Amino acid sequence: MVQREGVVVTASGILAAAHLRGEGGVAKLLLNNQVSQDENGTSILAYMREFAGYQVPFN
């Protein structure tokens, strides 16, 4: 199980984060532990936490 700052990294969480912060934002998080925020100040980790654990077709 991979975690970033206490958030479990799941396929559905990655998809949500990439949708809202882009693939670059997800790559920076996973490779460099660099946490970005959207225009409203919501952390990429909040999106990953909110959408973690949903079933996706390639799980």
Protein backbone atom coordinates (compact mmCIF):
# COMPACT_ATOMS: atom_id res chain seq x y z
CA MET A 1 0.00 0.00 0.00
CA VAL A 2 1.43 3.35 -1.08
CA GLN A 3 0.59 6.47 0.90
CA ARG A 4 1.35 10.15 0.56
CA GLU A 5 0.94 12.17 3.75
CA GLY A 6 -1.50 9.59 5.13
CA VAL A 7 -3.59 9.32 1.95
CA VAL A 8 -3.76 5.87 0.36
CA VAL A 9 -2.90 6.07 -3.35
CA THR A 10 -5.50 4.23 -5.45
CA ALA A 11 -6.20 4.12 -9.19
CA SER A 12 -9.48 6.02 -8.79
CA GLY A 13 -7.82 8.64 -6.61
CA ILE A 14 -5.08 9.13 -9.20
CA LEU A 15 -7.70 9.55 -11.94
CA ALA A 16 -9.56 12.20 -9.94
CA ALA A 17 -6.38 14.05 -9.07
CA ALA A 18 -5.18 13.97 -12.68
CA HIS A 19 -8.54 15.24 -13.90
CA LEU A 20 -8.37 18.22 -11.58
CA ARG A 21 -4.61 18.93 -11.31
CA GLY A 22 -3.27 17.33 -14.50
CA GLU A 23 -0.92 14.45 -15.02
CA GLY A 24 2.01 16.70 -14.11
CA GLY A 25 0.52 17.41 -10.71
CA VAL A 26 0.10 13.70 -10.03
CA ALA A 27 3.62 12.92 -11.25
CA LYS A 28 5.11 15.61 -8.99
CA LEU A 29 3.18 14.19 -6.05
CA LEU A 30 4.15 10.57 -6.63
CA LEU A 31 7.76 11.16 -7.65
CA ASN A 32 8.77 14.16 -5.53
CA ASN A 33 6.08 14.34 -2.83
CA GLN A 34 5.26 17.83 -4.14
CA VAL A 35 1.68 18.73 -3.14
CA SER A 36 -0.13 21.19 -5.41
CA GLN A 37 -3.44 22.99 -4.98
CA ASP A 38 -6.19 24.05 -7.34
CA GLU A 39 -7.40 27.61 -7.85
CA ASN A 40 -9.64 27.30 -4.78
CA GLY A 41 -6.78 26.13 -2.57
CA THR A 42 -7.90 22.49 -2.43
CA SER A 43 -4.95 20.11 -2.17
CA ILE A 44 -4.41 17.36 -4.72
CA LEU A 45 -4.40 15.01 -1.71
CA ALA A 46 -7.94 16.06 -0.82
CA TYR A 47 -9.08 14.91 -4.26
CA MET A 48 -7.16 11.64 -3.91
CA ARG A 49 -8.70 11.03 -0.48
CA GLU A 50 -12.24 11.89 -1.63
CA PHE A 51 -12.16 9.61 -4.67
CA ALA A 52 -10.03 6.75 -3.31
CA GLY A 53 -11.31 3.21 -3.52
CA TYR A 54 -13.81 3.49 -6.35
CA GLN A 55 -13.88 0.61 -8.79
CA VAL A 56 -12.28 1.41 -12.15
CA PRO A 57 -12.19 -0.94 -15.15
CA PHE A 58 -8.45 -1.59 -14.88
CA ASN A 59 -8.16 -2.43 -11.16
